[in-house]
Protein backbone atom coordinates (compact mmCIF):
# COMPACT_ATOMS: atom_id res chain seq x y z
CA MET A 1 67.93 0.77 68.63
CA ASP A 2 69.73 3.93 69.71
CA LEU A 3 68.72 4.33 73.36
CA VAL A 4 69.84 7.96 73.57
CA ASP A 5 67.73 8.98 70.56
CA ALA A 6 64.77 6.98 71.84
CA VAL A 7 64.87 8.70 75.24
CA ALA A 8 65.23 12.13 73.61
CA ASN A 9 62.21 11.46 71.37
CA VAL A 10 60.05 10.27 74.26
CA TRP A 11 61.09 13.29 76.34
CA ASP A 12 60.31 15.81 73.59
CA ARG A 13 56.96 14.19 72.85
CA ALA A 14 55.98 14.15 76.52
CA VAL A 15 57.42 17.49 77.65
CA VAL A 16 57.59 19.67 74.52
CA GLY A 17 54.38 18.12 73.20
CA HIS A 18 55.48 17.36 69.65
CA LEU A 19 58.30 16.11 67.46
CA ALA A 20 57.21 17.44 64.09
CA ASP A 21 58.01 21.04 63.16
CA LEU A 22 54.56 22.09 61.92
CA ARG A 23 55.43 25.73 61.30
CA ARG A 24 54.10 26.76 57.91
CA MET A 25 56.29 28.41 55.32
CA PRO A 26 55.66 32.19 55.47
CA ARG A 27 53.20 33.45 52.88
CA ASP A 28 51.09 36.48 51.99
CA ALA A 29 47.52 36.67 50.73
CA VAL A 30 47.36 38.08 47.20
CA VAL A 31 43.64 38.12 46.57
CA GLY A 32 40.61 36.47 48.12
CA SER A 33 37.03 35.55 47.34
CA PRO A 34 34.35 33.45 49.04
CA GLN A 35 35.54 30.48 47.00
CA GLY A 36 39.22 30.71 47.88
CA ILE A 37 42.30 32.77 48.75
CA LEU A 38 45.41 32.99 46.59
CA PHE A 39 48.64 32.95 48.62
CA ARG A 40 52.19 33.69 47.52
CA TYR A 41 55.01 32.12 49.56
CA ARG A 42 57.91 34.32 50.52
CA PRO A 43 61.24 33.43 48.87
CA LEU A 44 63.92 31.88 51.02
CA SER A 45 66.78 34.06 52.12
CA GLY A 46 69.98 33.26 50.25
CA VAL A 47 68.27 31.31 47.47
CA ASP A 48 68.64 32.82 44.01
CA PRO A 49 65.51 32.83 41.81
CA SER A 50 65.69 30.03 39.25
CA GLY A 51 64.21 32.07 36.47
CA GLY A 52 61.69 29.33 35.81
CA ALA A 53 57.96 29.84 35.50
CA PRO A 54 55.96 30.17 38.73
CA VAL A 55 54.22 27.21 40.32
CA LEU A 56 50.59 27.26 41.42
CA LEU A 57 49.69 24.49 43.87
CA VAL A 58 46.15 23.19 43.39
CA PRO A 59 44.85 21.17 46.36
CA PRO A 60 41.80 18.91 46.26
CA LEU A 61 38.61 19.55 48.14
CA GLY A 62 38.57 17.83 51.52
CA ALA A 63 42.26 18.10 52.34
CA PRO A 64 43.68 21.19 54.07
CA ASP A 65 46.03 23.31 51.99
CA PHE A 66 49.01 22.41 54.22
CA ALA A 67 49.14 18.96 52.61
CA TYR A 68 51.72 20.67 50.37
CA ASP A 69 53.48 22.08 53.43
CA LEU A 70 53.19 19.11 55.77
CA ARG A 71 56.16 19.81 58.04
CA ARG A 72 59.59 21.36 57.86
CA GLY A 73 61.96 18.95 56.18
CA CYS A 74 59.11 17.20 54.36
CA SER A 75 57.31 20.07 52.69
CA LEU A 76 56.87 20.33 48.92
CA VAL A 77 56.47 24.10 49.32
CA GLU A 78 59.80 24.33 51.13
CA HIS A 79 61.45 22.16 48.46
CA LEU A 80 60.18 24.27 45.56
CA LEU A 81 61.33 27.45 47.30
CA GLN A 82 64.77 25.87 47.78
CA GLN A 83 64.86 25.31 44.01
CA GLY A 84 64.35 29.04 43.52
CA ARG A 85 60.75 28.69 42.33
CA THR A 86 58.09 31.35 42.85
CA VAL A 87 55.31 29.43 44.60
CA TYR A 88 51.61 30.21 44.88
CA LEU A 89 48.74 28.22 46.39
CA ILE A 90 44.97 28.52 46.16
CA ASP A 91 43.30 27.72 49.49
CA TYR A 92 39.58 26.90 49.31
CA GLY A 93 39.16 26.85 53.08
CA PRO A 94 36.45 24.92 54.94
CA LYS A 95 33.11 24.71 53.13
CA SER A 96 29.79 25.34 54.85
CA PHE A 97 26.10 24.83 54.15
CA SER A 98 26.05 28.12 52.26
CA ASP A 99 28.46 26.60 49.69
CA ARG A 100 26.13 23.69 48.90
CA THR A 101 25.32 24.94 45.37
CA LEU A 102 28.95 25.07 44.24
CA GLY A 103 29.74 22.52 41.54
CA ILE A 104 32.89 21.27 39.88
CA GLU A 105 32.34 23.90 37.16
CA SER A 106 32.75 26.59 39.85
CA TRP A 107 36.40 25.58 40.06
CA VAL A 108 36.89 24.67 36.39
CA ASP A 109 35.26 27.78 34.87
CA GLU A 110 35.79 30.44 37.51
CA LEU A 111 38.15 30.02 40.46
CA LEU A 112 41.08 28.27 38.79
CA PRO A 113 41.07 30.34 35.56
CA ASP A 114 40.85 33.59 37.53
CA THR A 115 43.65 32.45 39.85
CA ILE A 116 45.91 31.28 37.03
CA ARG A 117 45.51 34.56 35.17
CA ARG A 118 46.25 36.53 38.33
CA VAL A 119 49.51 34.60 38.90
CA ALA A 120 50.51 35.05 35.25
CA GLU A 121 49.79 38.77 35.47
CA GLU A 122 51.85 39.15 38.65
CA THR A 123 54.85 37.24 37.33
CA ASP A 124 54.55 38.12 33.64
CA ASP A 125 55.00 34.43 32.83
CA GLU A 126 53.10 31.23 32.18
CA VAL A 127 52.18 29.06 35.15
CA HIS A 128 53.05 25.48 36.10
CA LEU A 129 50.08 23.81 37.81
CA VAL A 130 51.03 21.21 40.42
CA ALA A 131 47.88 19.42 41.55
CA TRP A 132 47.14 16.52 43.84
CA SER A 133 44.25 14.03 43.89
CA LEU A 134 40.95 15.64 42.85
CA GLY A 135 42.89 18.86 42.32
CA GLY A 136 44.48 17.19 39.30
CA ILE A 137 41.06 16.63 37.74
CA PHE A 138 40.13 20.26 38.40
CA ALA A 139 43.40 21.52 36.87
CA LEU A 140 43.20 19.38 33.73
CA LEU A 141 39.54 20.20 33.14
CA ALA A 142 40.18 23.93 33.68
CA VAL A 143 42.88 23.92 31.00
CA ALA A 144 40.67 21.89 28.63
CA ALA A 145 37.57 24.03 29.21
CA ALA A 146 39.49 27.23 28.45
CA VAL A 147 40.68 25.78 25.13
CA GLN A 148 37.12 24.77 24.31
CA ALA A 149 35.99 28.33 25.08
CA ARG A 150 38.76 29.64 22.77
CA ASP A 151 40.31 31.53 25.66
CA PRO A 152 43.39 29.41 26.56
CA LEU A 153 44.92 29.84 29.98
CA PRO A 154 48.57 30.95 30.41
CA VAL A 155 49.59 27.50 31.63
CA ARG A 156 53.00 25.99 30.82
CA SER A 157 52.37 22.51 32.22
CA VAL A 158 50.24 20.42 34.56
CA ALA A 159 51.55 17.90 37.10
CA ALA A 160 48.76 15.58 38.26
CA ILE A 161 49.87 13.61 41.33
CA GLY A 162 47.70 10.76 42.62
CA THR A 163 44.81 11.75 40.33
CA PRO A 164 42.44 8.86 39.57
CA VAL A 165 40.75 8.89 36.16
CA ASP A 166 39.27 5.40 35.86
CA ILE A 167 37.25 4.90 39.05
CA SER A 168 36.35 1.33 38.08
CA ARG A 169 39.96 0.47 38.92
CA VAL A 170 39.63 1.69 42.52
CA PRO A 171 38.98 -1.45 44.61
CA LEU A 172 37.54 0.54 47.52
CA VAL A 173 34.56 1.74 45.49
CA ALA A 174 34.08 -1.41 43.39
CA PRO A 175 31.41 -2.87 45.72
CA ILE A 176 29.51 0.44 45.74
CA ARG A 177 29.25 0.99 41.98
CA PRO A 178 26.78 -1.84 41.15
CA LEU A 179 24.49 -0.77 43.99
CA ALA A 180 24.66 2.86 42.88
CA GLN A 181 23.81 1.88 39.30
CA ILE A 182 20.81 -0.18 40.40
CA THR A 183 19.36 2.52 42.63
CA GLY A 184 20.41 5.37 40.37
CA GLY A 185 22.11 6.92 43.38
CA ARG A 186 18.79 8.17 44.75
CA LEU A 187 19.57 7.29 48.37
CA ILE A 188 22.92 9.07 48.33
CA SER A 189 21.39 12.03 46.51
CA SER A 190 18.68 12.47 49.10
CA ILE A 191 21.26 12.43 51.89
CA TYR A 192 23.70 15.02 50.51
CA ARG A 193 20.88 17.27 49.32
CA GLY A 194 19.33 17.14 52.76
CA VAL A 195 22.46 18.02 54.70
CA GLY A 196 23.95 20.26 51.99
CA SER A 197 27.44 18.74 52.18
CA PHE A 198 29.61 15.73 52.79
CA PRO A 199 30.77 16.61 56.35
CA ALA A 200 34.42 16.97 57.32
CA PRO A 201 34.31 14.15 59.93
CA MET A 202 33.12 11.78 57.20
CA VAL A 203 35.96 12.86 54.92
CA SER A 204 38.48 12.22 57.70
CA TRP A 205 36.89 8.86 58.47
CA ALA A 206 37.00 7.85 54.79
CA PHE A 207 40.71 8.66 54.54
CA GLN A 208 41.46 6.72 57.70
CA LEU A 209 39.43 3.76 56.46
CA THR A 210 41.75 3.42 53.47
CA ALA A 211 44.66 2.89 55.86
CA VAL A 212 42.93 0.77 58.49
CA ASP A 213 45.76 -1.75 58.43
CA LYS A 214 48.24 1.01 59.31
CA LEU A 215 45.96 2.25 62.08
CA VAL A 216 45.97 -1.23 63.61
CA THR A 217 49.74 -1.60 63.39
CA LYS A 218 50.53 2.03 64.22
CA PRO A 219 51.38 1.46 67.93
CA LEU A 220 53.80 -1.30 66.93
CA ALA A 221 55.33 0.90 64.22
CA ILE A 222 55.90 3.72 66.70
CA ALA A 223 57.40 1.38 69.28
CA SER A 224 59.75 -0.19 66.74
CA ARG A 225 60.90 3.20 65.40
CA ILE A 226 60.99 5.07 68.69
CA ASP A 227 64.57 6.18 67.98
CA ASP A 228 63.76 7.42 64.46
CA ARG A 229 62.78 11.06 64.95
CA ASP A 230 62.06 11.69 61.27
CA CYS A 231 59.65 8.75 61.10
CA LEU A 232 57.84 9.76 64.29
CA ALA A 233 57.60 13.36 63.12
CA GLN A 234 56.04 12.20 59.86
CA ILE A 235 53.43 10.10 61.67
CA GLU A 236 52.60 13.08 63.88
CA ALA A 237 52.28 15.42 60.88
CA VAL A 238 49.99 13.02 59.01
CA ASP A 239 47.81 12.64 62.11
CA HIS A 240 47.54 16.43 62.29
CA LEU A 241 46.46 16.62 58.65
CA MET A 242 43.87 13.85 59.11
CA SER A 243 42.30 15.70 62.01
CA ASN A 244 41.89 18.86 59.92
CA MET A 245 40.04 17.58 56.86
CA HIS A 246 37.34 19.71 55.22
CA GLY A 247 33.87 18.83 54.00
CA TYR A 248 32.63 18.80 50.40
CA PRO A 249 29.86 21.10 49.13
CA GLY A 250 26.76 19.03 48.48
CA ARG A 251 26.61 19.63 44.73
CA VAL A 252 30.30 18.80 44.19
CA PHE A 253 29.91 15.61 46.18
CA GLY A 254 26.86 14.73 44.09
CA GLN A 255 28.79 15.26 40.86
CA ILE A 256 31.69 13.15 42.13
CA PHE A 257 29.27 10.40 43.10
CA HIS A 258 27.19 10.41 39.91
CA LEU A 259 29.73 11.39 37.23
CA LEU A 260 32.85 9.72 38.58
CA LEU A 261 31.86 6.90 40.91
CA ARG A 262 28.55 5.72 39.42
CA SER A 263 28.98 6.48 35.71
CA ASN A 264 32.79 6.62 35.52
CA ASP A 265 32.48 9.27 32.80
CA LEU A 266 36.03 10.61 33.11
CA ALA A 267 37.43 7.22 32.04
CA ASP A 268 35.74 7.85 28.67
CA GLY A 269 37.66 11.09 28.26
CA GLY A 270 35.76 13.89 29.94
CA LEU A 271 32.88 15.21 32.04
CA ARG A 272 29.67 17.02 31.18
CA LEU A 273 29.73 20.29 33.10
CA GLY A 274 27.52 23.31 32.73
CA GLY A 275 25.71 21.82 29.73
CA ARG A 276 28.80 21.04 27.66
CA ASP A 277 31.34 18.24 27.46
CA VAL A 278 34.84 19.05 28.72
CA GLU A 279 37.35 16.62 27.19
CA LEU A 280 40.82 15.73 28.45
CA SER A 281 41.95 15.56 24.83
CA ASP A 282 41.73 19.38 24.76
CA VAL A 283 44.59 19.72 27.25
CA GLY A 284 47.27 21.18 25.01
CA VAL A 285 50.20 21.56 27.43
CA PRO A 286 52.78 19.05 28.73
CA VAL A 287 51.53 16.86 31.57
CA LEU A 288 53.35 14.91 34.27
CA VAL A 289 51.28 12.06 35.74
CA VAL A 290 52.51 10.51 39.00
CA ALA A 291 50.98 7.43 40.61
CA GLY A 292 51.66 6.01 44.06
CA ARG A 293 52.53 2.31 44.08
CA ASP A 294 50.80 1.79 47.42
CA ASP A 295 47.89 4.18 46.83
CA VAL A 296 44.48 2.60 47.52
CA ILE A 297 42.50 5.82 46.93
CA ALA A 298 44.06 6.42 43.50
CA PRO A 299 45.66 3.08 42.52
CA LEU A 300 48.33 2.98 39.85
CA ARG A 301 46.01 1.65 37.13
CA ALA A 302 43.33 4.25 37.91
CA VAL A 303 45.89 7.04 37.53
CA ARG A 304 47.67 5.62 34.47
CA ALA A 305 44.31 5.37 32.65
CA GLY A 306 44.47 9.13 32.11
CA VAL A 307 47.64 8.99 30.01
CA PRO A 308 46.13 7.74 26.70
CA LEU A 309 43.27 10.25 27.04
CA LEU A 310 45.62 13.26 26.92
CA THR A 311 45.96 13.09 23.15
CA GLY A 312 46.23 16.85 22.70
CA SER A 313 49.23 17.22 24.99
CA PRO A 314 52.60 17.64 23.27
CA GLU A 315 54.23 15.46 25.94
CA VAL A 316 52.86 13.22 28.67
CA ARG A 317 55.26 11.78 31.22
CA PHE A 318 54.15 8.96 33.48
CA THR A 319 56.04 7.84 36.55
CA THR A 320 55.40 5.93 39.75
CA SER A 321 56.65 6.56 43.26
CA PRO A 322 56.44 4.59 46.49
CA GLY A 323 53.80 5.61 48.98
CA GLY A 324 50.08 5.92 49.51
CA HIS A 325 47.77 8.75 48.53
CA LEU A 326 49.45 11.37 50.70
CA GLY A 327 52.84 9.68 50.66
CA VAL A 328 53.26 10.02 46.90
CA LEU A 329 52.91 13.79 47.32
CA THR A 330 54.77 14.54 50.53
CA GLY A 331 55.93 11.31 52.12
CA ARG A 332 59.49 10.81 53.27
CA ARG A 333 60.31 8.79 50.14
CA ALA A 334 58.71 11.42 47.89
CA ARG A 335 61.74 13.59 48.61
CA ASP A 336 63.87 11.21 46.53
CA THR A 337 61.27 10.15 43.94
CA THR A 338 58.29 12.38 43.18
CA TRP A 339 60.03 15.68 43.87
CA PRO A 340 63.10 15.10 41.65
CA GLU A 341 60.79 13.91 38.83
CA LEU A 342 58.78 17.09 39.22
CA ASP A 343 61.93 19.22 39.25
CA ARG A 344 63.15 17.61 36.01
CA ALA A 345 59.81 18.05 34.26
CA LEU A 346 59.48 21.72 35.24
CA ALA A 347 63.08 22.47 34.24
CA ASP A 348 62.73 20.69 30.88
CA TRP A 349 59.49 22.47 30.01
CA ASP A 350 60.94 25.82 31.07
CA ALA A 351 63.93 25.20 28.82
CA ALA A 352 61.67 24.21 25.92
CA ALA A 353 59.58 27.36 26.36
CA ASP A 354 62.67 29.57 26.48
CA ALA A 355 64.34 27.95 23.48
CA PRO A 356 64.12 29.79 20.13
CA ASP A 357 61.68 28.38 17.59
CA ASP A 358 63.14 25.77 15.27
CA ALA A 359 62.32 27.97 12.33
CA ASP A 360 64.33 30.85 13.74
CA GLY A 361 67.34 28.85 14.91
CA PRO A 362 68.76 27.63 11.56
CA ALA A 363 67.96 30.94 9.87
CA ALA A 364 69.81 32.86 12.53
CA ALA A 365 72.74 30.48 12.29
CA ALA A 366 72.86 30.81 8.49
CA GLY A 367 72.72 34.59 8.74
CA ALA A 368 75.67 34.56 11.10
């Protein structure tokens, strides 16, 4: 252990009050609605634009938008800006009792399509969707629903990170599913309909429950890494995120419970929303699927189950990265695993979109 670093870390934590740099990357609101606000991040000084298509970050419900911008030095937003990307984010904000009637189709049919088209209009380009957790389900279904409606979205690709498709492969909910099937979910339904939402404290508690072993060993981990500033800053940043979770609108929570947890409909290829079936097979753009090897909320097998369902996609890439549910997105190891994989996928699909059609290439060469 480096005694000097350890003393400096203890001093800064006690006197300054923090180790993590939680300043958010500067951004500007583009357009807002009661359902969400679209933000555009300011480009970094001295970084040349890459020329690639813009990125729209799609967070899940429950988690604050700064999951993508966790802390300086471990921020996916900062990384994408360093690559010269134009970066947007849709922020849903905290949900209240007045939002209780919002359903998954509110995001799939309205908010995400409107947001995607706004970004495409601003940049005059197609849009890469980078989505995490439940946000990945929303993004994929939005693309599929638009194809079904014969009004395709200007989307170049979708990256679904830590997005579970087969809920039967999530050990945490395995004991709940048989009980829910027997009761038909009536008890849960009566609760969320009565309160109008799944409250934020419950969301935070649920996330912490998935890492109860780390909570128990956390004091020991801090003591053993007291000289590792980067590690301590990451723990502090994750704690900050966990204490700022949002609630779920009652209807969305009900759909998640009945369609995903109880019936596991998505594992069969789609969901019934707004009176019609939205199928993953209608996703017609390249997709990157990333699973965390230590993720207990979206285990590797639950995430990988989505790959064979994306039959309409011209290319589906599947990769795994170390880390849990948040770690696979913005953990310290994600900087050397998930992020480079994302960079490669976006660059490859930009190059493919910019390349001349095969039919034009040989003809042009012959004419020359």
